[in-house]
Amino acid sequence: MALDCLLVAQGLIRRYGSTPAVNGVDLTILPGERIALLGPNGAGKTTLIRVLATALRPHGGSLQICGIDALRHPARVRASLGLVGHQTYLDPDLTPRENLRFYGRLYGASELETRIAEVVAEVGADPWVDQPTRALSRGMQQRVALARAILHRPRLLLMDEPETGLDASSQERLAELIEQWTNSGGAVIIASHREDWVSHCTDRSLRLSAGRLLAS
């Protein structure tokens, strides 16, 4: 694997019963890349994102992240990954700051309070960081989810339809944050069926069909 590759997947396979959801996927990600993962519902996008995030173990193939064998050492590579889904998985009874503090402790983030202040400012959550999360709009909650994903300074962001439920203004803000992230040397994969939105915040598109990755 080239030293500058963040991710190299070869021949990834993931089945549900006898049905392949991911079927022989090869993929290479470099620093600074913004990649759209396209395809209709049922194409395998979410399954592939979960395999790359080490949340699902593949039935075949290999996966290296930042030079580490992710199948043999999944806990080691998770420090290099941030995950944002269409569900935020935030505790609604905690404030955004408290949510970030909880996850920061799980990550073992250093200088946690300083880092929380940094990511809150980065996503523009300062005005409501101490309000109950349940009182926030969908767009505000998604910003907090993004802050959580970058809290531990990962190198690769994996995003599964992060625009779901966001209004046009929030979608535009999310696109700006993605661009800022990759300009600083990170990389991002965004799974979406919204080609109209995802095309303007990525620079390379891949298409899944029945679990197979088609040409860019």
N, C-alpha and C. Protein backbone atom coordinates (compact mmCIF):
# COMPACT_ATOMS: atom_id res chain seq x y z
N MET A 1 0.84 -1.21 0.00
CA MET A 1 0.00 0.00 0.00
C MET A 1 0.87 1.24 0.00
N ALA A 2 0.53 2.22 -0.84
CA ALA A 2 1.27 3.47 -0.87
C ALA A 2 1.16 4.15 0.49
N LEU A 3 2.26 4.78 0.91
CA LEU A 3 2.31 5.34 2.25
C LEU A 3 1.31 6.46 2.45
N ASP A 4 0.91 7.15 1.36
CA ASP A 4 0.01 8.29 1.53
C ASP A 4 -1.46 7.92 1.42
N CYS A 5 -1.78 6.64 1.26
CA CYS A 5 -3.17 6.22 1.18
C CYS A 5 -3.77 6.17 2.58
N LEU A 6 -4.96 6.74 2.72
CA LEU A 6 -5.66 6.63 4.00
C LEU A 6 -6.41 5.31 4.10
N LEU A 7 -6.92 4.84 2.97
CA LEU A 7 -7.72 3.61 2.98
C LEU A 7 -7.47 2.84 1.70
N VAL A 8 -7.30 1.54 1.85
CA VAL A 8 -7.22 0.64 0.70
C VAL A 8 -8.07 -0.59 1.00
N ALA A 9 -9.11 -0.78 0.21
CA ALA A 9 -9.98 -1.96 0.33
C ALA A 9 -9.83 -2.79 -0.93
N GLN A 10 -9.78 -4.10 -0.75
CA GLN A 10 -9.65 -5.01 -1.89
C GLN A 10 -10.61 -6.17 -1.71
N GLY A 11 -11.49 -6.33 -2.68
CA GLY A 11 -12.37 -7.49 -2.72
C GLY A 11 -13.31 -7.63 -1.54
N LEU A 12 -13.79 -6.52 -0.99
CA LEU A 12 -14.67 -6.60 0.18
C LEU A 12 -16.00 -7.26 -0.16
N ILE A 13 -16.39 -8.19 0.69
CA ILE A 13 -17.67 -8.89 0.53
C ILE A 13 -18.39 -8.90 1.88
N ARG A 14 -19.66 -8.55 1.84
CA ARG A 14 -20.51 -8.66 3.03
C ARG A 14 -21.86 -9.17 2.59
N ARG A 15 -22.30 -10.27 3.19
CA ARG A 15 -23.56 -10.89 2.82
C ARG A 15 -24.57 -10.80 3.96
N TYR A 16 -25.84 -10.81 3.59
CA TYR A 16 -26.92 -11.02 4.54
C TYR A 16 -27.60 -12.31 4.12
N GLY A 17 -27.35 -13.39 4.87
CA GLY A 17 -27.75 -14.70 4.40
C GLY A 17 -26.94 -15.06 3.18
N SER A 18 -27.61 -15.41 2.13
CA SER A 18 -26.91 -15.74 0.88
C SER A 18 -26.84 -14.57 -0.09
N THR A 19 -27.40 -13.42 0.33
CA THR A 19 -27.47 -12.26 -0.56
C THR A 19 -26.29 -11.32 -0.29
N PRO A 20 -25.45 -11.05 -1.29
CA PRO A 20 -24.34 -10.11 -1.08
C PRO A 20 -24.82 -8.67 -1.10
N ALA A 21 -24.54 -7.93 -0.03
CA ALA A 21 -24.84 -6.50 0.01
C ALA A 21 -23.65 -5.69 -0.46
N VAL A 22 -22.46 -6.20 -0.22
CA VAL A 22 -21.21 -5.64 -0.76
C VAL A 22 -20.52 -6.80 -1.47
N ASN A 23 -20.19 -6.59 -2.74
CA ASN A 23 -19.81 -7.73 -3.57
C ASN A 23 -18.51 -7.44 -4.33
N GLY A 24 -17.38 -7.65 -3.67
CA GLY A 24 -16.08 -7.52 -4.33
C GLY A 24 -15.64 -6.09 -4.56
N VAL A 25 -15.79 -5.23 -3.55
CA VAL A 25 -15.47 -3.80 -3.69
C VAL A 25 -13.98 -3.54 -3.51
N ASP A 26 -13.40 -2.84 -4.47
CA ASP A 26 -12.03 -2.31 -4.38
C ASP A 26 -12.11 -0.79 -4.29
N LEU A 27 -11.34 -0.21 -3.36
CA LEU A 27 -11.45 1.24 -3.15
C LEU A 27 -10.16 1.76 -2.54
N THR A 28 -9.68 2.90 -3.05
CA THR A 28 -8.50 3.57 -2.50
C THR A 28 -8.85 5.03 -2.23
N ILE A 29 -8.50 5.51 -1.04
CA ILE A 29 -8.79 6.89 -0.63
C ILE A 29 -7.47 7.59 -0.29
N LEU A 30 -7.28 8.80 -0.84
CA LEU A 30 -6.09 9.60 -0.58
C LEU A 30 -6.45 10.81 0.29
N PRO A 31 -5.47 11.39 0.99
CA PRO A 31 -5.75 12.61 1.78
C PRO A 31 -6.32 13.72 0.91
N GLY A 32 -7.31 14.42 1.44
CA GLY A 32 -7.91 15.55 0.74
C GLY A 32 -9.03 15.19 -0.20
N GLU A 33 -9.27 13.89 -0.43
CA GLU A 33 -10.31 13.49 -1.37
C GLU A 33 -11.70 13.64 -0.75
N ARG A 34 -12.64 14.03 -1.59
CA ARG A 34 -14.06 14.10 -1.22
C ARG A 34 -14.81 13.21 -2.20
N ILE A 35 -15.28 12.09 -1.72
CA ILE A 35 -15.83 11.06 -2.59
C ILE A 35 -17.31 10.87 -2.31
N ALA A 36 -18.11 10.90 -3.37
CA ALA A 36 -19.53 10.60 -3.27
C ALA A 36 -19.75 9.14 -3.58
N LEU A 37 -20.50 8.46 -2.73
CA LEU A 37 -20.87 7.07 -2.95
C LEU A 37 -22.35 7.06 -3.29
N LEU A 38 -22.65 6.82 -4.55
CA LEU A 38 -24.00 6.98 -5.08
C LEU A 38 -24.67 5.64 -5.31
N GLY A 39 -25.99 5.69 -5.42
CA GLY A 39 -26.76 4.50 -5.73
C GLY A 39 -28.12 4.57 -5.06
N PRO A 40 -29.08 3.85 -5.59
CA PRO A 40 -30.44 3.86 -5.01
C PRO A 40 -30.48 3.14 -3.68
N ASN A 41 -31.59 3.26 -2.98
CA ASN A 41 -31.78 2.49 -1.76
C ASN A 41 -31.64 1.01 -2.07
N GLY A 42 -30.90 0.31 -1.21
CA GLY A 42 -30.68 -1.12 -1.42
C GLY A 42 -29.45 -1.44 -2.24
N ALA A 43 -28.71 -0.41 -2.68
CA ALA A 43 -27.52 -0.66 -3.50
C ALA A 43 -26.35 -1.18 -2.68
N GLY A 44 -26.38 -0.97 -1.34
CA GLY A 44 -25.29 -1.42 -0.48
C GLY A 44 -24.47 -0.30 0.13
N LYS A 45 -24.92 0.94 -0.02
CA LYS A 45 -24.13 2.08 0.45
C LYS A 45 -23.93 2.04 1.97
N THR A 46 -25.02 1.88 2.70
CA THR A 46 -24.90 1.89 4.16
C THR A 46 -24.07 0.71 4.65
N THR A 47 -24.26 -0.45 4.05
CA THR A 47 -23.47 -1.62 4.44
C THR A 47 -21.98 -1.37 4.20
N LEU A 48 -21.64 -0.80 3.06
CA LEU A 48 -20.24 -0.52 2.76
C LEU A 48 -19.66 0.49 3.75
N ILE A 49 -20.41 1.55 4.06
CA ILE A 49 -19.94 2.52 5.03
C ILE A 49 -19.69 1.84 6.38
N ARG A 50 -20.58 0.98 6.80
CA ARG A 50 -20.43 0.30 8.09
C ARG A 50 -19.24 -0.67 8.08
N VAL A 51 -18.97 -1.31 6.95
CA VAL A 51 -17.79 -2.16 6.85
C VAL A 51 -16.53 -1.32 6.93
N LEU A 52 -16.49 -0.21 6.21
CA LEU A 52 -15.31 0.66 6.25
C LEU A 52 -15.10 1.26 7.64
N ALA A 53 -16.19 1.47 8.37
CA ALA A 53 -16.10 2.02 9.72
C ALA A 53 -15.78 0.96 10.76
N THR A 54 -15.60 -0.29 10.34
CA THR A 54 -15.34 -1.45 11.20
C THR A 54 -16.51 -1.77 12.12
N ALA A 55 -17.71 -1.28 11.78
CA ALA A 55 -18.91 -1.63 12.54
C ALA A 55 -19.47 -2.98 12.09
N LEU A 56 -19.16 -3.38 10.87
CA LEU A 56 -19.52 -4.70 10.34
C LEU A 56 -18.26 -5.37 9.83
N ARG A 57 -18.10 -6.64 10.15
CA ARG A 57 -16.94 -7.38 9.64
C ARG A 57 -17.28 -7.99 8.29
N PRO A 58 -16.45 -7.80 7.28
CA PRO A 58 -16.74 -8.39 5.97
C PRO A 58 -16.55 -9.91 5.99
N HIS A 59 -17.20 -10.57 5.05
CA HIS A 59 -17.05 -12.01 4.91
C HIS A 59 -15.88 -12.36 4.00
N GLY A 60 -15.34 -11.38 3.33
CA GLY A 60 -14.19 -11.61 2.47
C GLY A 60 -13.52 -10.30 2.11
N GLY A 61 -12.27 -10.38 1.65
CA GLY A 61 -11.52 -9.21 1.25
C GLY A 61 -10.61 -8.69 2.33
N SER A 62 -9.96 -7.57 2.04
CA SER A 62 -9.02 -6.95 2.98
C SER A 62 -9.30 -5.45 3.08
N LEU A 63 -8.89 -4.88 4.22
CA LEU A 63 -9.12 -3.46 4.46
C LEU A 63 -7.97 -2.91 5.29
N GLN A 64 -7.29 -1.92 4.75
CA GLN A 64 -6.23 -1.24 5.50
C GLN A 64 -6.59 0.23 5.63
N ILE A 65 -6.44 0.75 6.83
CA ILE A 65 -6.72 2.16 7.11
C ILE A 65 -5.49 2.74 7.79
N CYS A 66 -4.94 3.79 7.18
CA CYS A 66 -3.72 4.42 7.69
C CYS A 66 -2.62 3.39 7.90
N GLY A 67 -2.52 2.44 6.98
CA GLY A 67 -1.46 1.45 7.03
C GLY A 67 -1.69 0.30 7.99
N ILE A 68 -2.83 0.26 8.65
CA ILE A 68 -3.12 -0.77 9.65
C ILE A 68 -4.17 -1.73 9.09
N ASP A 69 -3.98 -3.01 9.34
CA ASP A 69 -4.96 -4.01 8.94
C ASP A 69 -6.21 -3.84 9.80
N ALA A 70 -7.27 -3.31 9.20
CA ALA A 70 -8.47 -2.98 9.97
C ALA A 70 -9.26 -4.20 10.39
N LEU A 71 -9.06 -5.32 9.72
CA LEU A 71 -9.79 -6.53 10.09
C LEU A 71 -9.13 -7.23 11.28
N ARG A 72 -7.83 -7.09 11.40
CA ARG A 72 -7.12 -7.69 12.54
C ARG A 72 -7.07 -6.76 13.73
N HIS A 73 -7.07 -5.43 13.47
CA HIS A 73 -6.92 -4.46 14.55
C HIS A 73 -7.97 -3.35 14.44
N PRO A 74 -9.27 -3.70 14.50
CA PRO A 74 -10.31 -2.67 14.31
C PRO A 74 -10.26 -1.57 15.36
N ALA A 75 -9.94 -1.89 16.60
CA ALA A 75 -9.92 -0.87 17.65
C ALA A 75 -8.84 0.17 17.38
N ARG A 76 -7.73 -0.24 16.79
CA ARG A 76 -6.64 0.69 16.51
C ARG A 76 -7.01 1.68 15.41
N VAL A 77 -7.73 1.21 14.40
CA VAL A 77 -8.04 2.11 13.28
C VAL A 77 -9.19 3.05 13.58
N ARG A 78 -10.02 2.73 14.59
CA ARG A 78 -11.17 3.60 14.88
C ARG A 78 -10.74 4.98 15.33
N ALA A 79 -9.54 5.10 15.86
CA ALA A 79 -9.03 6.42 16.23
C ALA A 79 -8.83 7.31 15.02
N SER A 80 -8.72 6.71 13.83
CA SER A 80 -8.51 7.47 12.60
C SER A 80 -9.80 7.72 11.84
N LEU A 81 -10.94 7.27 12.38
CA LEU A 81 -12.22 7.35 11.68
C LEU A 81 -13.22 8.21 12.42
N GLY A 82 -14.01 8.97 11.67
CA GLY A 82 -15.17 9.67 12.21
C GLY A 82 -16.39 9.25 11.40
N LEU A 83 -17.52 9.05 12.09
CA LEU A 83 -18.71 8.55 11.42
C LEU A 83 -19.89 9.47 11.69
N VAL A 84 -20.58 9.87 10.61
CA VAL A 84 -21.79 10.68 10.70
C VAL A 84 -22.88 9.97 9.90
N GLY A 85 -24.00 9.68 10.55
CA GLY A 85 -25.11 9.01 9.86
C GLY A 85 -26.31 9.92 9.77
N HIS A 86 -27.39 9.41 9.17
CA HIS A 86 -28.60 10.23 9.10
C HIS A 86 -29.31 10.25 10.45
N GLN A 87 -28.96 9.31 11.34
CA GLN A 87 -29.38 9.39 12.73
C GLN A 87 -28.20 9.91 13.55
N THR A 88 -28.47 10.83 14.48
CA THR A 88 -27.37 11.49 15.19
C THR A 88 -26.83 10.68 16.36
N TYR A 89 -27.66 9.83 16.96
CA TYR A 89 -27.28 9.05 18.14
C TYR A 89 -26.79 9.92 19.29
N LEU A 90 -27.35 11.12 19.39
CA LEU A 90 -27.07 11.99 20.53
C LEU A 90 -28.07 11.70 21.65
N ASP A 91 -27.65 11.87 22.87
CA ASP A 91 -28.56 11.72 24.01
C ASP A 91 -29.41 12.98 24.09
N PRO A 92 -30.72 12.88 23.90
CA PRO A 92 -31.56 14.08 23.85
C PRO A 92 -31.66 14.80 25.19
N ASP A 93 -31.36 14.10 26.28
CA ASP A 93 -31.47 14.72 27.60
C ASP A 93 -30.20 15.44 28.03
N LEU A 94 -29.14 15.30 27.24
CA LEU A 94 -27.90 16.01 27.51
C LEU A 94 -27.78 17.22 26.58
N THR A 95 -27.01 18.19 26.97
CA THR A 95 -26.70 19.31 26.08
C THR A 95 -25.66 18.86 25.06
N PRO A 96 -25.48 19.60 23.97
CA PRO A 96 -24.40 19.26 23.06
C PRO A 96 -23.04 19.16 23.74
N ARG A 97 -22.76 20.09 24.64
CA ARG A 97 -21.46 20.04 25.34
C ARG A 97 -21.33 18.74 26.15
N GLU A 98 -22.41 18.35 26.81
CA GLU A 98 -22.36 17.13 27.61
C GLU A 98 -22.24 15.89 26.73
N ASN A 99 -22.92 15.90 25.57
CA ASN A 99 -22.76 14.81 24.62
C ASN A 99 -21.32 14.69 24.16
N LEU A 100 -20.72 15.81 23.81
CA LEU A 100 -19.34 15.81 23.33
C LEU A 100 -18.39 15.38 24.44
N ARG A 101 -18.66 15.80 25.64
CA ARG A 101 -17.81 15.40 26.77
C ARG A 101 -17.87 13.88 26.98
N PHE A 102 -19.07 13.32 26.87
CA PHE A 102 -19.23 11.88 27.03
C PHE A 102 -18.43 11.12 25.97
N TYR A 103 -18.61 11.51 24.70
CA TYR A 103 -17.90 10.80 23.63
C TYR A 103 -16.40 11.07 23.69
N GLY A 104 -16.01 12.27 24.08
CA GLY A 104 -14.59 12.58 24.20
C GLY A 104 -13.89 11.69 25.20
N ARG A 105 -14.58 11.37 26.27
CA ARG A 105 -14.00 10.46 27.27
C ARG A 105 -13.89 9.05 26.72
N LEU A 106 -14.87 8.64 25.92
CA LEU A 106 -14.78 7.33 25.28
C LEU A 106 -13.59 7.27 24.31
N TYR A 107 -13.38 8.37 23.58
CA TYR A 107 -12.26 8.43 22.64
C TYR A 107 -10.92 8.57 23.35
N GLY A 108 -10.93 9.01 24.61
CA GLY A 108 -9.68 9.32 25.29
C GLY A 108 -9.04 10.58 24.75
N ALA A 109 -9.86 11.53 24.31
CA ALA A 109 -9.34 12.77 23.73
C ALA A 109 -8.58 13.58 24.78
N SER A 110 -7.43 14.10 24.38
CA SER A 110 -6.63 14.91 25.28
C SER A 110 -7.13 16.35 25.31
N GLU A 111 -6.90 17.04 26.45
CA GLU A 111 -7.35 18.43 26.62
C GLU A 111 -8.78 18.58 26.14
N LEU A 112 -9.64 17.78 26.71
CA LEU A 112 -10.99 17.60 26.18
C LEU A 112 -11.80 18.88 26.13
N GLU A 113 -11.80 19.66 27.20
CA GLU A 113 -12.63 20.86 27.21
C GLU A 113 -12.18 21.86 26.14
N THR A 114 -10.87 21.96 25.95
CA THR A 114 -10.35 22.84 24.90
C THR A 114 -10.77 22.33 23.52
N ARG A 115 -10.69 21.03 23.34
CA ARG A 115 -11.04 20.45 22.06
C ARG A 115 -12.54 20.60 21.79
N ILE A 116 -13.37 20.44 22.82
CA ILE A 116 -14.81 20.65 22.64
C ILE A 116 -15.09 22.07 22.17
N ALA A 117 -14.43 23.05 22.79
CA ALA A 117 -14.63 24.44 22.39
C ALA A 117 -14.23 24.64 20.93
N GLU A 118 -13.16 23.96 20.49
CA GLU A 118 -12.69 24.11 19.11
C GLU A 118 -13.71 23.55 18.11
N VAL A 119 -14.20 22.34 18.37
CA VAL A 119 -15.11 21.74 17.38
C VAL A 119 -16.48 22.42 17.40
N VAL A 120 -16.91 22.90 18.56
CA VAL A 120 -18.17 23.63 18.64
C VAL A 120 -18.10 24.89 17.78
N ALA A 121 -16.96 25.60 17.87
CA ALA A 121 -16.77 26.79 17.05
C ALA A 121 -16.69 26.44 15.57
N GLU A 122 -16.04 25.32 15.28
CA GLU A 122 -15.85 24.92 13.88
C GLU A 122 -17.17 24.63 13.18
N VAL A 123 -18.12 24.04 13.89
CA VAL A 123 -19.40 23.71 13.27
C VAL A 123 -20.46 24.78 13.51
N GLY A 124 -20.09 25.84 14.23
CA GLY A 124 -21.01 26.95 14.46
C GLY A 124 -22.09 26.66 15.47
N ALA A 125 -21.76 25.86 16.50
CA ALA A 125 -22.75 25.48 17.50
C ALA A 125 -22.66 26.30 18.78
N ASP A 126 -21.83 27.32 18.81
CA ASP A 126 -21.62 28.11 20.03
C ASP A 126 -22.91 28.64 20.68
N PRO A 127 -23.86 29.18 19.91
CA PRO A 127 -25.01 29.84 20.55
C PRO A 127 -25.90 28.89 21.36
N TRP A 128 -25.89 27.61 21.06
CA TRP A 128 -26.82 26.70 21.72
C TRP A 128 -26.15 25.44 22.26
N VAL A 129 -24.85 25.53 22.54
CA VAL A 129 -24.11 24.35 23.00
C VAL A 129 -24.54 23.87 24.38
N ASP A 130 -25.17 24.75 25.16
CA ASP A 130 -25.60 24.37 26.51
C ASP A 130 -27.12 24.26 26.64
N GLN A 131 -27.81 24.21 25.51
CA GLN A 131 -29.24 23.96 25.53
C GLN A 131 -29.49 22.44 25.46
N PRO A 132 -30.64 21.98 25.95
CA PRO A 132 -30.94 20.55 25.82
C PRO A 132 -30.97 20.13 24.35
N THR A 133 -30.35 19.02 24.03
CA THR A 133 -30.28 18.58 22.65
C THR A 133 -31.65 18.35 22.05
N ARG A 134 -32.61 17.89 22.85
CA ARG A 134 -33.95 17.63 22.32
C ARG A 134 -34.64 18.90 21.84
N ALA A 135 -34.18 20.07 22.30
CA ALA A 135 -34.79 21.34 21.90
C ALA A 135 -34.22 21.88 20.60
N LEU A 136 -33.19 21.23 20.05
CA LEU A 136 -32.52 21.72 18.86
C LEU A 136 -33.18 21.19 17.59
N SER A 137 -33.06 21.95 16.52
CA SER A 137 -33.57 21.52 15.22
C SER A 137 -32.73 20.37 14.69
N ARG A 138 -33.25 19.71 13.66
CA ARG A 138 -32.53 18.62 13.02
C ARG A 138 -31.16 19.10 12.51
N GLY A 139 -31.13 20.28 11.88
CA GLY A 139 -29.86 20.80 11.37
C GLY A 139 -28.86 21.07 12.47
N MET A 140 -29.32 21.62 13.58
CA MET A 140 -28.43 21.89 14.71
C MET A 140 -27.87 20.58 15.28
N GLN A 141 -28.75 19.59 15.42
CA GLN A 141 -28.29 18.31 15.95
C GLN A 141 -27.27 17.65 15.02
N GLN A 142 -27.46 17.81 13.72
CA GLN A 142 -26.51 17.22 12.78
C GLN A 142 -25.15 17.91 12.87
N ARG A 143 -25.14 19.21 13.16
CA ARG A 143 -23.87 19.90 13.37
C ARG A 143 -23.15 19.33 14.59
N VAL A 144 -23.90 19.04 15.64
CA VAL A 144 -23.30 18.46 16.84
C VAL A 144 -22.75 17.06 16.53
N ALA A 145 -23.48 16.29 15.73
CA ALA A 145 -23.00 14.97 15.33
C ALA A 145 -21.70 15.08 14.54
N LEU A 146 -21.58 16.09 13.70
CA LEU A 146 -20.33 16.31 12.97
C LEU A 146 -19.22 16.71 13.93
N ALA A 147 -19.53 17.57 14.90
CA ALA A 147 -18.53 17.95 15.91
C ALA A 147 -18.04 16.71 16.65
N ARG A 148 -18.95 15.82 16.98
CA ARG A 148 -18.55 14.59 17.66
C ARG A 148 -17.63 13.74 16.76
N ALA A 149 -17.95 13.68 15.47
CA ALA A 149 -17.18 12.85 14.55
C ALA A 149 -15.74 13.33 14.40
N ILE A 150 -15.51 14.64 14.52
CA ILE A 150 -14.15 15.17 14.34
C ILE A 150 -13.47 15.47 15.67
N LEU A 151 -14.14 15.17 16.78
CA LEU A 151 -13.63 15.53 18.10
C LEU A 151 -12.25 14.95 18.36
N HIS A 152 -12.01 13.73 17.93
CA HIS A 152 -10.75 13.03 18.22
C HIS A 152 -9.74 13.16 17.08
N ARG A 153 -10.00 14.12 16.19
CA ARG A 153 -9.10 14.43 15.06
C ARG A 153 -8.85 13.21 14.16
N PRO A 154 -9.91 12.61 13.64
CA PRO A 154 -9.71 11.48 12.72
C PRO A 154 -9.17 11.96 11.39
N ARG A 155 -8.69 11.04 10.59
CA ARG A 155 -8.17 11.39 9.28
C ARG A 155 -9.18 11.13 8.17
N LEU A 156 -10.18 10.29 8.45
CA LEU A 156 -11.16 9.93 7.44
C LEU A 156 -12.56 10.03 8.02
N LEU A 157 -13.42 10.79 7.35
CA LEU A 157 -14.82 10.90 7.74
C LEU A 157 -15.67 10.03 6.83
N LEU A 158 -16.54 9.24 7.44
CA LEU A 158 -17.49 8.40 6.71
C LEU A 158 -18.88 8.93 7.02
N MET A 159 -19.62 9.31 5.99
CA MET A 159 -20.91 9.98 6.18
C MET A 159 -21.98 9.22 5.41
N ASP A 160 -23.03 8.81 6.12
CA ASP A 160 -24.11 8.05 5.51
C ASP A 160 -25.37 8.91 5.44
N GLU A 161 -25.63 9.46 4.27
CA GLU A 161 -26.78 10.34 4.02
C GLU A 161 -26.92 11.40 5.12
N PRO A 162 -25.86 12.18 5.35
CA PRO A 162 -25.90 13.16 6.44
C PRO A 162 -26.86 14.31 6.18
N GLU A 163 -27.29 14.47 4.92
CA GLU A 163 -28.18 15.59 4.58
C GLU A 163 -29.65 15.29 4.86
N THR A 164 -29.95 14.06 5.27
CA THR A 164 -31.34 13.66 5.50
C THR A 164 -32.01 14.57 6.53
N GLY A 165 -33.13 15.16 6.16
CA GLY A 165 -33.90 15.99 7.08
C GLY A 165 -33.40 17.41 7.24
N LEU A 166 -32.35 17.78 6.51
CA LEU A 166 -31.82 19.14 6.63
C LEU A 166 -32.47 20.06 5.61
N ASP A 167 -32.70 21.31 6.02
CA ASP A 167 -33.20 22.29 5.06
C ASP A 167 -32.05 22.76 4.17
N ALA A 168 -32.37 23.57 3.17
CA ALA A 168 -31.37 23.98 2.19
C ALA A 168 -30.20 24.71 2.82
N SER A 169 -30.48 25.58 3.79
CA SER A 169 -29.42 26.32 4.46
C SER A 169 -28.49 25.40 5.23
N SER A 170 -29.04 24.42 5.92
CA SER A 170 -28.23 23.48 6.69
C SER A 170 -27.42 22.56 5.77
N GLN A 171 -28.00 22.21 4.63
CA GLN A 171 -27.25 21.40 3.66
C GLN A 171 -26.06 22.17 3.12
N GLU A 172 -26.25 23.45 2.87
CA GLU A 172 -25.15 24.28 2.36
C GLU A 172 -24.06 24.42 3.41
N ARG A 173 -24.45 24.61 4.66
CA ARG A 173 -23.48 24.72 5.73
C ARG A 173 -22.69 23.41 5.90
N LEU A 174 -23.37 22.29 5.77
CA LEU A 174 -22.70 21.00 5.87
C LEU A 174 -21.68 20.84 4.74
N ALA A 175 -22.04 21.25 3.54
CA ALA A 175 -21.11 21.19 2.41
C ALA A 175 -19.88 22.04 2.67
N GLU A 176 -20.06 23.22 3.27
CA GLU A 176 -18.92 24.09 3.60
C GLU A 176 -18.01 23.43 4.62
N LEU A 177 -18.58 22.79 5.62
CA LEU A 177 -17.78 22.12 6.64
C LEU A 177 -17.00 20.95 6.07
N ILE A 178 -17.60 20.22 5.12
CA ILE A 178 -16.91 19.12 4.46
C ILE A 178 -15.71 19.64 3.68
N GLU A 179 -15.90 20.76 2.97
CA GLU A 179 -14.79 21.35 2.21
C GLU A 179 -13.66 21.79 3.14
N GLN A 180 -14.02 22.43 4.24
CA GLN A 180 -13.00 22.86 5.21
C GLN A 180 -12.23 21.66 5.73
N TRP A 181 -12.92 20.58 6.01
CA TRP A 181 -12.28 19.40 6.57
C TRP A 181 -11.25 18.82 5.59
N THR A 182 -11.63 18.67 4.33
CA THR A 182 -10.71 18.08 3.37
C THR A 182 -9.58 19.04 3.01
N ASN A 183 -9.82 20.34 3.07
CA ASN A 183 -8.75 21.29 2.81
C ASN A 183 -7.66 21.22 3.87
N SER A 184 -8.00 20.72 5.05
CA SER A 184 -7.01 20.59 6.11
C SER A 184 -6.29 19.24 6.07
N GLY A 185 -6.56 18.44 5.03
CA GLY A 185 -5.83 17.18 4.86
C GLY A 185 -6.63 15.94 5.16
N GLY A 186 -7.85 16.09 5.66
CA GLY A 186 -8.70 14.92 5.88
C GLY A 186 -9.32 14.47 4.57
N ALA A 187 -9.98 13.33 4.62
CA ALA A 187 -10.70 12.81 3.47
C ALA A 187 -12.11 12.44 3.93
N VAL A 188 -13.03 12.37 2.97
CA VAL A 188 -14.42 12.08 3.32
C VAL A 188 -15.07 11.22 2.25
N ILE A 189 -15.89 10.27 2.68
CA ILE A 189 -16.75 9.50 1.80
C ILE A 189 -18.19 9.79 2.23
N ILE A 190 -19.01 10.23 1.28
CA ILE A 190 -20.40 10.56 1.58
C ILE A 190 -21.31 9.65 0.78
N ALA A 191 -22.02 8.78 1.47
CA ALA A 191 -23.02 7.93 0.83
C ALA A 191 -24.33 8.70 0.74
N SER A 192 -24.91 8.76 -0.45
CA SER A 192 -26.13 9.53 -0.62
C SER A 192 -26.85 9.07 -1.89
N HIS A 193 -28.18 9.20 -1.89
CA HIS A 193 -28.93 9.02 -3.13
C HIS A 193 -29.33 10.38 -3.72
N ARG A 194 -28.88 11.47 -3.05
CA ARG A 194 -29.18 12.83 -3.49
C ARG A 194 -28.03 13.38 -4.34
N GLU A 195 -28.00 12.97 -5.60
CA GLU A 195 -26.89 13.38 -6.45
C GLU A 195 -26.85 14.89 -6.63
N ASP A 196 -28.00 15.55 -6.62
CA ASP A 196 -28.03 17.00 -6.81
C ASP A 196 -27.29 17.72 -5.69
N TRP A 197 -27.38 17.17 -4.47
CA TRP A 197 -26.69 17.81 -3.35
C TRP A 197 -25.24 17.38 -3.25
N VAL A 198 -24.99 16.08 -3.31
CA VAL A 198 -23.66 15.58 -3.01
C VAL A 198 -22.65 15.92 -4.10
N SER A 199 -23.12 16.14 -5.34
CA SER A 199 -22.19 16.39 -6.44
C SER A 199 -21.43 17.69 -6.27
N HIS A 200 -22.03 18.69 -5.59
CA HIS A 200 -21.34 19.97 -5.48
C HIS A 200 -20.45 20.07 -4.25
N CYS A 201 -20.41 19.01 -3.42
CA CYS A 201 -19.49 19.06 -2.28
C CYS A 201 -18.50 17.90 -2.32
N THR A 202 -18.37 17.25 -3.48
CA THR A 202 -17.38 16.19 -3.66
C THR A 202 -16.67 16.40 -4.98
N ASP A 203 -15.54 15.72 -5.15
CA ASP A 203 -14.80 15.87 -6.40
C ASP A 203 -14.62 14.55 -7.14
N ARG A 204 -15.15 13.47 -6.57
CA ARG A 204 -15.10 12.17 -7.26
C ARG A 204 -16.34 11.39 -6.88
N SER A 205 -16.94 10.71 -7.84
CA SER A 205 -18.16 9.95 -7.58
C SER A 205 -17.94 8.48 -7.92
N LEU A 206 -18.44 7.63 -7.04
CA LEU A 206 -18.46 6.18 -7.26
C LEU A 206 -19.90 5.73 -7.14
N ARG A 207 -20.25 4.72 -7.91
CA ARG A 207 -21.64 4.27 -7.93
C ARG A 207 -21.72 2.80 -7.58
N LEU A 208 -22.59 2.49 -6.62
CA LEU A 208 -22.85 1.10 -6.25
C LEU A 208 -24.13 0.62 -6.92
N SER A 209 -24.07 -0.62 -7.39
CA SER A 209 -25.25 -1.27 -7.95
C SER A 209 -25.23 -2.72 -7.51
N ALA A 210 -26.23 -3.12 -6.74
CA ALA A 210 -26.32 -4.48 -6.22
C ALA A 210 -25.03 -4.90 -5.53
N GLY A 211 -24.44 -3.97 -4.79
CA GLY A 211 -23.25 -4.26 -4.01
C GLY A 211 -21.95 -4.18 -4.77
N ARG A 212 -22.01 -3.94 -6.07
CA ARG A 212 -20.79 -3.84 -6.87
C ARG A 212 -20.47 -2.37 -7.15
N LEU A 213 -19.20 -2.04 -7.06
CA LEU A 213 -18.75 -0.69 -7.32
C LEU A 213 -18.48 -0.53 -8.81
N LEU A 214 -19.18 0.40 -9.45
CA LEU A 214 -19.01 0.64 -10.86
C LEU A 214 -17.90 1.68 -11.07
N ALA A 215 -17.56 1.94 -12.30
CA ALA A 215 -16.50 2.90 -12.61
C ALA A 215 -16.86 4.29 -12.12
N SER A 216 -15.86 5.11 -11.83
CA SER A 216 -16.07 6.48 -11.38
C SER A 216 -16.80 7.25 -12.46
